[in-house]
């Protein structure tokens, strides 16, 4: 018995079509009404999603999450895996790269920003080098190093209270508060522990 072809459409009509079926080696023709799965072009209504912008495939927040993962150091492949595992959102590594490329301008702007202050640990060589290389940039001693040095010089019985007062200085909200806290701290501790 020869192989017979699968059903085939051999006549098209705007509203119907004919289907040829081979049953027991005999040809049967049936007219079938065309099923409309969408509206006619003249009746087409513009659809606008309330969830997505036109041509957008996912929420902007998902792109923000992808960007945050990438900034945190997660590789493009791992970002794809994380998004698929957590949100069941398929994101290819190349899509992650495209999203990350949007950061390029921000990164360039960050690198071009001006240097306003340098914070150092108090080493004399570093301070001398900074005065040569960046003579017009202000520099400040690191508070962590400053408080460690202060703690090493204080008697143990005064350490906690004195450091608590010193912390108030750098945690002050503005310059006026800083000066006020420093004067109070200096008045209390300047004579007691010079």
N, C-alpha and C. Protein backbone atom coordinates (compact mmCIF):
# COMPACT_ATOMS: atom_id res chain seq x y z
N UNK A 1 0.85 -1.18 0.00
CA UNK A 1 0.00 0.00 0.00
C UNK A 1 0.90 1.24 0.00
N UNK A 2 0.70 2.14 -0.98
CA UNK A 2 1.54 3.32 -1.04
C UNK A 2 1.20 4.29 0.09
N UNK A 3 2.25 5.06 0.50
CA UNK A 3 2.02 6.08 1.53
C UNK A 3 1.16 7.20 0.95
N UNK A 4 0.17 7.59 1.70
CA UNK A 4 -0.70 8.67 1.25
C UNK A 4 -0.29 9.97 1.93
N UNK A 5 -0.40 11.08 1.23
CA UNK A 5 -0.03 12.34 1.85
C UNK A 5 -0.98 12.71 2.99
N UNK A 6 -0.47 13.53 3.91
CA UNK A 6 -1.31 14.03 5.00
C UNK A 6 -2.38 14.95 4.44
N UNK A 7 -3.43 15.25 5.22
CA UNK A 7 -4.46 16.17 4.73
C UNK A 7 -3.83 17.46 4.21
N UNK A 8 -4.36 17.97 3.13
CA UNK A 8 -3.79 19.18 2.56
C UNK A 8 -4.90 20.13 2.16
N UNK A 9 -4.60 21.40 2.17
CA UNK A 9 -5.56 22.41 1.73
C UNK A 9 -5.31 22.63 0.25
N UNK A 10 -6.33 22.43 -0.57
CA UNK A 10 -6.09 22.61 -1.99
C UNK A 10 -6.95 23.71 -2.60
N UNK A 11 -7.81 24.36 -1.83
CA UNK A 11 -8.57 25.47 -2.37
C UNK A 11 -8.80 26.46 -1.24
N UNK A 12 -8.49 27.72 -1.48
CA UNK A 12 -8.68 28.72 -0.44
C UNK A 12 -9.83 29.64 -0.83
N UNK A 13 -10.57 30.05 0.14
CA UNK A 13 -11.67 30.97 -0.02
C UNK A 13 -11.59 31.93 1.17
N UNK A 14 -12.02 33.22 1.04
CA UNK A 14 -11.88 34.14 2.17
C UNK A 14 -12.56 33.66 3.46
N UNK A 15 -13.72 33.00 3.33
CA UNK A 15 -14.44 32.59 4.53
C UNK A 15 -14.35 31.10 4.82
N UNK A 16 -13.86 30.32 3.88
CA UNK A 16 -13.79 28.88 4.10
C UNK A 16 -12.67 28.30 3.26
N UNK A 17 -12.37 27.04 3.51
CA UNK A 17 -11.39 26.34 2.69
C UNK A 17 -11.79 24.87 2.64
N UNK A 18 -11.23 24.17 1.66
CA UNK A 18 -11.53 22.76 1.49
C UNK A 18 -10.34 21.95 1.99
N UNK A 19 -10.67 20.85 2.64
CA UNK A 19 -9.65 19.95 3.14
C UNK A 19 -9.83 18.61 2.45
N UNK A 20 -8.75 18.08 1.93
CA UNK A 20 -8.80 16.76 1.30
C UNK A 20 -8.29 15.74 2.30
N UNK A 21 -9.07 14.74 2.58
CA UNK A 21 -8.68 13.67 3.49
C UNK A 21 -8.67 12.35 2.74
N UNK A 22 -7.69 11.55 2.97
CA UNK A 22 -7.63 10.23 2.38
C UNK A 22 -8.05 9.23 3.44
N UNK A 23 -9.16 8.55 3.21
CA UNK A 23 -9.62 7.51 4.13
C UNK A 23 -9.82 6.23 3.33
N UNK A 24 -9.20 5.17 3.77
CA UNK A 24 -9.32 3.88 3.09
C UNK A 24 -9.11 4.00 1.59
N UNK A 25 -8.12 4.70 1.21
CA UNK A 25 -7.71 4.92 -0.18
C UNK A 25 -8.76 5.65 -1.01
N UNK A 26 -9.67 6.37 -0.35
CA UNK A 26 -10.62 7.18 -1.11
C UNK A 26 -10.49 8.63 -0.67
N UNK A 27 -10.67 9.52 -1.59
CA UNK A 27 -10.52 10.94 -1.33
C UNK A 27 -11.85 11.52 -0.88
N UNK A 28 -11.83 12.23 0.24
CA UNK A 28 -13.04 12.89 0.73
C UNK A 28 -12.72 14.38 0.84
N UNK A 29 -13.60 15.22 0.33
CA UNK A 29 -13.40 16.66 0.40
C UNK A 29 -14.42 17.27 1.35
N UNK A 30 -13.95 18.14 2.20
CA UNK A 30 -14.84 18.82 3.14
C UNK A 30 -14.59 20.32 3.08
N UNK A 31 -15.70 21.05 3.09
CA UNK A 31 -15.58 22.51 3.16
C UNK A 31 -15.61 22.89 4.63
N UNK A 32 -14.63 23.67 5.06
CA UNK A 32 -14.51 24.04 6.47
C UNK A 32 -14.58 25.56 6.57
N UNK A 33 -15.42 26.04 7.53
CA UNK A 33 -15.51 27.49 7.77
C UNK A 33 -14.20 27.97 8.39
N UNK A 34 -13.74 29.09 7.92
CA UNK A 34 -12.52 29.66 8.48
C UNK A 34 -12.83 30.24 9.86
N UNK A 35 -12.03 29.87 10.83
CA UNK A 35 -12.21 30.36 12.20
C UNK A 35 -11.38 31.63 12.36
N UNK A 36 -12.04 32.68 12.77
CA UNK A 36 -11.35 33.96 12.93
C UNK A 36 -10.74 34.05 14.33
N UNK A 37 -9.45 34.20 14.38
CA UNK A 37 -8.78 34.31 15.68
C UNK A 37 -8.51 35.76 16.06
N UNK A 38 -8.73 36.65 15.12
CA UNK A 38 -8.53 38.07 15.42
C UNK A 38 -9.54 38.88 14.63
N UNK A 39 -9.69 40.13 14.99
CA UNK A 39 -10.65 40.99 14.30
C UNK A 39 -10.10 41.36 12.92
N UNK A 40 -11.01 41.71 12.05
CA UNK A 40 -10.61 42.15 10.72
C UNK A 40 -9.83 43.45 10.84
N UNK A 41 -8.93 43.71 9.90
CA UNK A 41 -8.14 44.94 9.97
C UNK A 41 -8.98 46.21 10.07
N UNK A 42 -10.14 46.25 9.40
CA UNK A 42 -10.98 47.44 9.46
C UNK A 42 -11.61 47.61 10.84
N UNK A 43 -11.76 46.51 11.57
CA UNK A 43 -12.37 46.57 12.89
C UNK A 43 -11.33 46.55 14.00
N UNK A 44 -10.08 46.62 13.65
CA UNK A 44 -9.00 46.48 14.63
C UNK A 44 -9.06 47.60 15.67
N UNK A 45 -8.90 47.21 16.91
CA UNK A 45 -8.88 48.16 18.02
C UNK A 45 -7.46 48.17 18.57
N UNK A 46 -6.92 49.36 18.80
CA UNK A 46 -5.58 49.44 19.36
C UNK A 46 -5.60 48.97 20.80
N UNK A 47 -4.73 48.04 21.09
CA UNK A 47 -4.61 47.51 22.45
C UNK A 47 -3.45 48.19 23.13
N UNK A 48 -3.68 48.65 24.33
CA UNK A 48 -2.62 49.31 25.10
C UNK A 48 -2.58 48.66 26.48
N UNK A 49 -1.47 48.08 26.82
CA UNK A 49 -1.31 47.41 28.10
C UNK A 49 -1.15 48.44 29.21
N UNK A 50 -1.75 48.15 30.35
CA UNK A 50 -1.57 49.05 31.50
C UNK A 50 -0.33 48.63 32.30
N UNK A 51 0.25 47.48 31.97
CA UNK A 51 1.42 47.00 32.69
C UNK A 51 2.73 47.39 32.02
N UNK A 52 2.74 47.38 30.69
CA UNK A 52 3.98 47.59 29.96
C UNK A 52 3.85 48.75 28.98
N UNK A 53 4.97 49.39 28.72
CA UNK A 53 5.04 50.39 27.66
C UNK A 53 5.06 49.64 26.32
N UNK A 54 4.78 50.32 25.21
CA UNK A 54 4.85 49.63 23.92
C UNK A 54 6.24 49.02 23.69
N UNK A 55 6.27 47.83 23.18
CA UNK A 55 7.47 47.06 22.86
C UNK A 55 8.30 46.69 24.09
N UNK A 56 7.74 46.80 25.24
CA UNK A 56 8.45 46.44 26.46
C UNK A 56 8.06 45.01 26.83
N UNK A 57 9.04 44.21 27.24
CA UNK A 57 8.78 42.80 27.52
C UNK A 57 8.73 42.48 29.00
N UNK A 58 9.19 43.39 29.83
CA UNK A 58 9.16 43.15 31.28
C UNK A 58 9.13 44.49 31.99
N UNK A 59 8.81 44.45 33.27
CA UNK A 59 8.74 45.67 34.06
C UNK A 59 10.11 46.33 34.16
N UNK A 60 10.10 47.64 34.26
CA UNK A 60 11.35 48.39 34.42
C UNK A 60 12.05 47.99 35.71
N UNK A 61 11.28 47.62 36.72
CA UNK A 61 11.87 47.22 37.99
C UNK A 61 12.75 45.98 37.81
N UNK A 62 12.35 45.07 36.91
CA UNK A 62 13.17 43.88 36.65
C UNK A 62 14.50 44.32 36.04
N UNK A 63 14.46 45.28 35.11
CA UNK A 63 15.71 45.81 34.55
C UNK A 63 16.57 46.45 35.63
N UNK A 64 15.93 47.14 36.57
CA UNK A 64 16.68 47.73 37.69
C UNK A 64 17.34 46.65 38.53
N UNK A 65 16.63 45.56 38.77
CA UNK A 65 17.21 44.44 39.54
C UNK A 65 18.39 43.84 38.79
N UNK A 66 18.23 43.68 37.48
CA UNK A 66 19.32 43.14 36.66
C UNK A 66 20.54 44.05 36.77
N UNK A 67 20.31 45.36 36.66
CA UNK A 67 21.39 46.33 36.77
C UNK A 67 22.07 46.26 38.13
N UNK A 68 21.26 46.15 39.21
CA UNK A 68 21.81 46.07 40.57
C UNK A 68 22.65 44.81 40.75
N UNK A 69 22.18 43.69 40.21
CA UNK A 69 22.96 42.45 40.30
C UNK A 69 24.29 42.61 39.57
N UNK A 70 24.24 43.21 38.39
CA UNK A 70 25.45 43.39 37.59
C UNK A 70 26.43 44.31 38.32
N UNK A 71 25.92 45.40 38.91
CA UNK A 71 26.78 46.34 39.65
C UNK A 71 27.41 45.64 40.84
N UNK A 72 26.67 44.71 41.44
CA UNK A 72 27.19 43.99 42.62
C UNK A 72 28.27 42.99 42.25
N UNK A 73 28.52 42.81 40.95
CA UNK A 73 29.61 41.94 40.53
C UNK A 73 29.17 40.58 40.03
N UNK A 74 27.87 40.36 39.89
CA UNK A 74 27.38 39.09 39.39
C UNK A 74 27.59 39.06 37.87
N UNK A 75 28.10 37.96 37.35
CA UNK A 75 28.38 37.88 35.91
C UNK A 75 27.08 37.86 35.11
N UNK A 76 27.19 38.15 33.81
CA UNK A 76 25.98 38.19 32.98
C UNK A 76 25.28 36.84 32.93
N UNK A 77 26.05 35.75 32.89
CA UNK A 77 25.43 34.42 32.89
C UNK A 77 24.72 34.14 34.20
N UNK A 78 25.36 34.54 35.31
CA UNK A 78 24.75 34.29 36.61
C UNK A 78 23.51 35.16 36.82
N UNK A 79 23.51 36.38 36.28
CA UNK A 79 22.31 37.22 36.36
C UNK A 79 21.16 36.52 35.66
N UNK A 80 21.43 35.94 34.49
CA UNK A 80 20.39 35.21 33.75
C UNK A 80 19.84 34.08 34.59
N UNK A 81 20.74 33.34 35.22
CA UNK A 81 20.33 32.20 36.04
C UNK A 81 19.51 32.65 37.25
N UNK A 82 19.94 33.73 37.91
CA UNK A 82 19.23 34.24 39.09
C UNK A 82 17.83 34.69 38.71
N UNK A 83 17.70 35.44 37.62
CA UNK A 83 16.38 35.94 37.21
C UNK A 83 15.46 34.78 36.84
N UNK A 84 16.01 33.77 36.19
CA UNK A 84 15.20 32.61 35.83
C UNK A 84 14.79 31.83 37.07
N UNK A 85 15.70 31.67 38.03
CA UNK A 85 15.41 30.90 39.23
C UNK A 85 14.41 31.60 40.14
N UNK A 86 14.57 32.90 40.32
CA UNK A 86 13.72 33.62 41.27
C UNK A 86 12.40 34.07 40.68
N UNK A 87 12.44 34.64 39.49
CA UNK A 87 11.25 35.26 38.92
C UNK A 87 10.67 34.51 37.73
N UNK A 88 11.34 33.46 37.31
CA UNK A 88 10.94 32.75 36.09
C UNK A 88 10.89 33.70 34.90
N UNK A 89 11.82 34.64 34.88
CA UNK A 89 11.96 35.58 33.77
C UNK A 89 13.22 35.18 33.01
N UNK A 90 13.06 34.85 31.75
CA UNK A 90 14.22 34.45 30.96
C UNK A 90 14.91 35.70 30.42
N UNK A 91 16.16 35.84 30.79
CA UNK A 91 16.97 36.97 30.34
C UNK A 91 18.28 36.39 29.83
N UNK A 92 18.59 36.66 28.58
CA UNK A 92 19.83 36.11 28.02
C UNK A 92 21.02 36.95 28.50
N UNK A 93 22.21 36.36 28.52
CA UNK A 93 23.40 37.14 28.89
C UNK A 93 23.59 38.38 28.03
N UNK A 94 23.22 38.30 26.74
CA UNK A 94 23.37 39.48 25.88
C UNK A 94 22.40 40.59 26.28
N UNK A 95 21.19 40.22 26.75
CA UNK A 95 20.26 41.23 27.24
C UNK A 95 20.81 41.92 28.48
N UNK A 96 21.45 41.14 29.36
CA UNK A 96 22.07 41.71 30.56
C UNK A 96 23.15 42.71 30.14
N UNK A 97 23.93 42.35 29.12
CA UNK A 97 24.98 43.26 28.64
C UNK A 97 24.39 44.55 28.09
N UNK A 98 23.27 44.45 27.37
CA UNK A 98 22.62 45.65 26.83
C UNK A 98 22.13 46.54 27.97
N UNK A 99 21.52 45.93 28.98
CA UNK A 99 21.03 46.70 30.14
C UNK A 99 22.21 47.33 30.87
N UNK A 100 23.30 46.58 31.02
CA UNK A 100 24.47 47.10 31.73
C UNK A 100 25.14 48.22 30.94
N UNK A 101 25.05 48.17 29.61
CA UNK A 101 25.66 49.22 28.79
C UNK A 101 25.03 50.59 29.06
N UNK A 102 23.79 50.58 29.54
CA UNK A 102 23.13 51.84 29.88
C UNK A 102 23.86 52.54 31.03
N UNK A 103 24.65 51.79 31.77
CA UNK A 103 25.41 52.36 32.88
C UNK A 103 26.69 53.05 32.43
N UNK A 104 27.10 52.81 31.19
CA UNK A 104 28.39 53.34 30.73
C UNK A 104 28.51 54.85 30.91
N UNK A 105 27.45 55.60 30.56
CA UNK A 105 27.51 57.06 30.70
C UNK A 105 27.66 57.46 32.16
N UNK A 106 26.94 56.76 33.04
CA UNK A 106 27.04 57.08 34.46
C UNK A 106 28.44 56.76 34.99
N UNK A 107 29.01 55.65 34.54
CA UNK A 107 30.36 55.28 34.98
C UNK A 107 31.37 56.32 34.49
N UNK A 108 31.24 56.74 33.23
CA UNK A 108 32.16 57.76 32.69
C UNK A 108 32.02 59.07 33.46
N UNK A 109 30.80 59.47 33.77
CA UNK A 109 30.59 60.70 34.54
C UNK A 109 31.20 60.56 35.94
N UNK A 110 31.09 59.38 36.52
CA UNK A 110 31.67 59.15 37.84
C UNK A 110 33.19 59.31 37.79
N UNK A 111 33.81 58.78 36.74
CA UNK A 111 35.26 58.86 36.61
C UNK A 111 35.74 60.29 36.31
N UNK A 112 34.89 61.10 35.69
CA UNK A 112 35.29 62.47 35.35
C UNK A 112 34.99 63.47 36.47
N UNK A 113 34.34 63.03 37.53
CA UNK A 113 33.99 63.97 38.60
C UNK A 113 35.26 64.55 39.21
N UNK A 114 35.15 65.72 39.75
CA UNK A 114 36.30 66.39 40.34
C UNK A 114 36.65 65.82 41.71
N UNK A 115 37.90 65.92 42.05
CA UNK A 115 38.38 65.46 43.35
C UNK A 115 38.21 66.61 44.34
N UNK A 116 37.39 66.39 45.38
CA UNK A 116 37.12 67.47 46.34
C UNK A 116 37.86 67.29 47.65
N UNK A 117 38.05 66.04 48.07
CA UNK A 117 38.72 65.80 49.34
C UNK A 117 39.39 64.43 49.32
N UNK A 118 40.54 64.35 49.98
CA UNK A 118 41.25 63.08 50.10
C UNK A 118 41.32 62.75 51.58
N UNK A 119 40.95 61.54 51.92
CA UNK A 119 41.00 61.09 53.31
C UNK A 119 42.17 60.14 53.45
N UNK A 120 43.07 60.44 54.41
CA UNK A 120 44.29 59.65 54.58
C UNK A 120 44.37 59.11 56.00
N UNK A 121 45.27 58.15 56.18
CA UNK A 121 45.42 57.51 57.49
C UNK A 121 46.39 58.25 58.41
N UNK A 122 47.05 59.26 57.94
CA UNK A 122 47.93 60.03 58.81
C UNK A 122 49.41 59.80 58.58
N UNK A 123 49.75 58.95 57.61
CA UNK A 123 51.16 58.71 57.30
C UNK A 123 51.80 59.98 56.74
N UNK A 124 52.98 60.31 57.22
CA UNK A 124 53.65 61.56 56.81
C UNK A 124 54.07 61.53 55.34
N UNK A 125 54.51 60.39 54.85
CA UNK A 125 54.93 60.28 53.45
C UNK A 125 53.76 60.49 52.50
N UNK A 126 52.62 59.92 52.83
CA UNK A 126 51.43 60.08 51.99
C UNK A 126 50.97 61.54 51.99
N UNK A 127 51.00 62.16 53.15
CA UNK A 127 50.60 63.57 53.23
C UNK A 127 51.52 64.45 52.39
N UNK A 128 52.83 64.21 52.45
CA UNK A 128 53.79 64.98 51.65
C UNK A 128 53.56 64.76 50.15
N UNK A 129 53.29 63.52 49.76
CA UNK A 129 53.04 63.22 48.35
C UNK A 129 51.77 63.90 47.87
N UNK A 130 50.74 63.90 48.70
CA UNK A 130 49.48 64.54 48.31
C UNK A 130 49.65 66.05 48.15
N UNK A 131 50.46 66.64 49.01
CA UNK A 131 50.71 68.08 48.89
C UNK A 131 51.41 68.41 47.59
N UNK A 132 52.20 67.47 47.07
CA UNK A 132 52.90 67.68 45.80
C UNK A 132 51.99 67.40 44.61
N UNK A 133 51.27 66.28 44.65
CA UNK A 133 50.46 65.85 43.50
C UNK A 133 49.14 66.62 43.44
N UNK A 134 48.48 66.79 44.56
CA UNK A 134 47.19 67.49 44.63
C UNK A 134 47.29 68.66 45.60
N UNK A 135 47.99 69.72 45.22
CA UNK A 135 48.22 70.81 46.18
C UNK A 135 46.96 71.59 46.56
N UNK A 136 45.93 71.59 45.72
CA UNK A 136 44.75 72.40 45.98
C UNK A 136 43.55 71.59 46.49
N UNK A 137 43.74 70.31 46.69
CA UNK A 137 42.66 69.46 47.18
C UNK A 137 42.78 69.32 48.69
N UNK A 138 41.65 69.52 49.36
CA UNK A 138 41.67 69.40 50.82
C UNK A 138 41.89 67.94 51.21
N UNK A 139 42.53 67.74 52.34
CA UNK A 139 42.67 66.38 52.85
C UNK A 139 42.30 66.36 54.32
N UNK A 140 41.84 65.20 54.74
CA UNK A 140 41.37 65.04 56.11
C UNK A 140 41.86 63.70 56.63
N UNK A 141 42.09 63.64 57.89
CA UNK A 141 42.52 62.40 58.52
C UNK A 141 41.31 61.49 58.70
N UNK A 142 41.49 60.22 58.46
CA UNK A 142 40.43 59.22 58.59
C UNK A 142 39.99 59.13 60.06
N UNK A 143 38.68 59.16 60.29
CA UNK A 143 38.16 59.13 61.66
C UNK A 143 38.45 57.81 62.36
N UNK A 144 38.44 56.74 61.62
CA UNK A 144 38.73 55.43 62.24
C UNK A 144 40.14 55.43 62.80
N UNK A 145 41.10 55.88 61.98
CA UNK A 145 42.49 55.92 62.44
C UNK A 145 42.67 56.93 63.58
N UNK A 146 41.98 58.05 63.46
CA UNK A 146 42.08 59.08 64.50
C UNK A 146 41.58 58.54 65.84
N UNK A 147 40.42 57.85 65.83
CA UNK A 147 39.86 57.31 67.07
C UNK A 147 40.70 56.16 67.62
N UNK A 148 41.28 55.36 66.74
CA UNK A 148 42.17 54.28 67.21
C UNK A 148 43.40 54.85 67.91
N UNK A 149 43.99 55.88 67.30
CA UNK A 149 45.15 56.51 67.93
C UNK A 149 44.77 57.14 69.26
N UNK A 150 43.61 57.76 69.31
CA UNK A 150 43.13 58.37 70.55
C UNK A 150 42.92 57.30 71.62
N UNK A 151 42.32 56.18 71.24
CA UNK A 151 42.07 55.09 72.19
C UNK A 151 43.38 54.53 72.74
N UNK A 152 44.41 54.46 71.90
CA UNK A 152 45.71 53.95 72.36
C UNK A 152 46.38 54.88 73.36
N UNK A 153 46.10 56.17 73.28
CA UNK A 153 46.73 57.15 74.17
C UNK A 153 45.97 57.34 75.49
N UNK A 154 44.70 56.97 75.51
CA UNK A 154 43.86 57.22 76.70
C UNK A 154 44.06 56.15 77.77
N UNK A 155 43.95 56.55 79.03
CA UNK A 155 43.87 55.54 80.10
C UNK A 155 42.58 54.74 79.93
N UNK A 156 42.60 53.47 80.27
CA UNK A 156 41.47 52.57 80.06
C UNK A 156 40.21 53.10 80.74
N UNK A 157 40.33 53.70 81.92
CA UNK A 157 39.15 54.14 82.66
C UNK A 157 38.40 55.28 81.95
N UNK A 158 39.07 56.06 81.08
CA UNK A 158 38.42 57.16 80.37
C UNK A 158 38.02 56.80 78.93
N UNK A 159 38.50 55.69 78.45
CA UNK A 159 38.42 55.37 77.02
C UNK A 159 36.99 55.41 76.47
N UNK A 160 36.06 54.68 77.06
CA UNK A 160 34.70 54.59 76.50
C UNK A 160 34.00 55.94 76.46
N UNK A 161 34.08 56.68 77.57
CA UNK A 161 33.38 57.96 77.64
C UNK A 161 33.99 59.00 76.69
N UNK A 162 35.30 59.04 76.62
CA UNK A 162 35.98 60.00 75.74
C UNK A 162 35.70 59.70 74.26
N UNK A 163 35.76 58.42 73.88
CA UNK A 163 35.49 58.05 72.49
C UNK A 163 34.03 58.30 72.12
N UNK A 164 33.13 58.11 73.07
CA UNK A 164 31.71 58.38 72.82
C UNK A 164 31.52 59.86 72.48
N UNK A 165 32.19 60.75 73.24
CA UNK A 165 32.13 62.18 72.94
C UNK A 165 32.77 62.52 71.60
N UNK A 166 33.87 61.86 71.27
CA UNK A 166 34.55 62.11 69.99
C UNK A 166 33.70 61.66 68.81
N UNK A 167 32.98 60.57 68.97
CA UNK A 167 32.10 60.09 67.90
C UNK A 167 30.99 61.10 67.61
N UNK A 168 30.52 61.79 68.63
CA UNK A 168 29.47 62.80 68.43
C UNK A 168 29.95 63.90 67.48
N UNK A 169 31.25 64.15 67.47
CA UNK A 169 31.79 65.20 66.60
C UNK A 169 31.58 64.82 65.13
N UNK A 170 32.02 63.63 64.74
CA UNK A 170 31.91 63.29 63.31
C UNK A 170 30.52 62.83 62.90
N UNK A 171 29.65 62.56 63.87
CA UNK A 171 28.27 62.20 63.53
C UNK A 171 27.33 63.41 63.53
N UNK A 172 27.86 64.59 63.82
CA UNK A 172 27.04 65.80 63.84
C UNK A 172 26.46 66.09 62.46
N UNK A 173 25.29 66.70 62.44
CA UNK A 173 24.55 66.91 61.20
C UNK A 173 25.13 68.01 60.31
N UNK A 174 25.75 69.03 60.90
CA UNK A 174 26.26 70.14 60.09
C UNK A 174 27.50 70.74 60.76
N UNK A 175 28.09 71.71 60.09
CA UNK A 175 29.35 72.29 60.57
C UNK A 175 29.18 72.96 61.93
N UNK A 176 28.08 73.65 62.12
CA UNK A 176 27.83 74.33 63.39
C UNK A 176 27.79 73.32 64.54
N UNK A 177 27.11 72.20 64.32
CA UNK A 177 27.04 71.15 65.34
C UNK A 177 28.41 70.52 65.60
N UNK A 178 29.19 70.37 64.54
CA UNK A 178 30.54 69.81 64.68
C UNK A 178 31.38 70.69 65.60
N UNK A 179 31.35 72.00 65.34
CA UNK A 179 32.14 72.94 66.15
C UNK A 179 31.67 72.92 67.60
N UNK A 180 30.36 72.90 67.78
CA UNK A 180 29.79 72.87 69.14
C UNK A 180 30.22 71.60 69.89
N UNK A 181 30.09 70.44 69.22
CA UNK A 181 30.46 69.17 69.86
C UNK A 181 31.96 69.12 70.16
N UNK A 182 32.77 69.66 69.24
CA UNK A 182 34.22 69.67 69.47
C UNK A 182 34.59 70.53 70.68
N UNK A 183 33.96 71.70 70.79
CA UNK A 183 34.27 72.59 71.93
C UNK A 183 33.89 71.93 73.25
N UNK A 184 32.72 71.28 73.28
CA UNK A 184 32.28 70.58 74.50
C UNK A 184 33.26 69.46 74.83
N UNK A 185 33.64 68.69 73.81
CA UNK A 185 34.56 67.57 74.02
C UNK A 185 35.92 68.07 74.48
N UNK A 186 36.43 69.11 73.84
CA UNK A 186 37.76 69.64 74.18
C UNK A 186 37.76 70.22 75.60
N UNK A 187 36.67 70.92 75.97
CA UNK A 187 36.58 71.50 77.31
C UNK A 187 36.65 70.40 78.37
N UNK A 188 35.96 69.28 78.10
CA UNK A 188 35.90 68.20 79.08
C UNK A 188 37.20 67.41 79.14
N UNK A 189 37.78 67.08 77.97
CA UNK A 189 38.90 66.14 77.92
C UNK A 189 40.25 66.80 77.72
N UNK A 190 40.29 68.04 77.28
CA UNK A 190 41.56 68.71 76.99
C UNK A 190 42.47 68.84 78.20
N UNK A 191 41.90 69.14 79.34
CA UNK A 191 42.71 69.30 80.56
C UNK A 191 42.91 67.97 81.27
N UNK A 192 41.88 67.12 81.23
CA UNK A 192 41.95 65.84 81.94
C UNK A 192 42.96 64.89 81.30
N UNK A 193 42.90 64.80 79.98
CA UNK A 193 43.81 63.92 79.23
C UNK A 193 44.37 64.73 78.06
N UNK A 194 45.45 65.48 78.28
CA UNK A 194 45.95 66.37 77.21
C UNK A 194 46.53 65.64 76.02
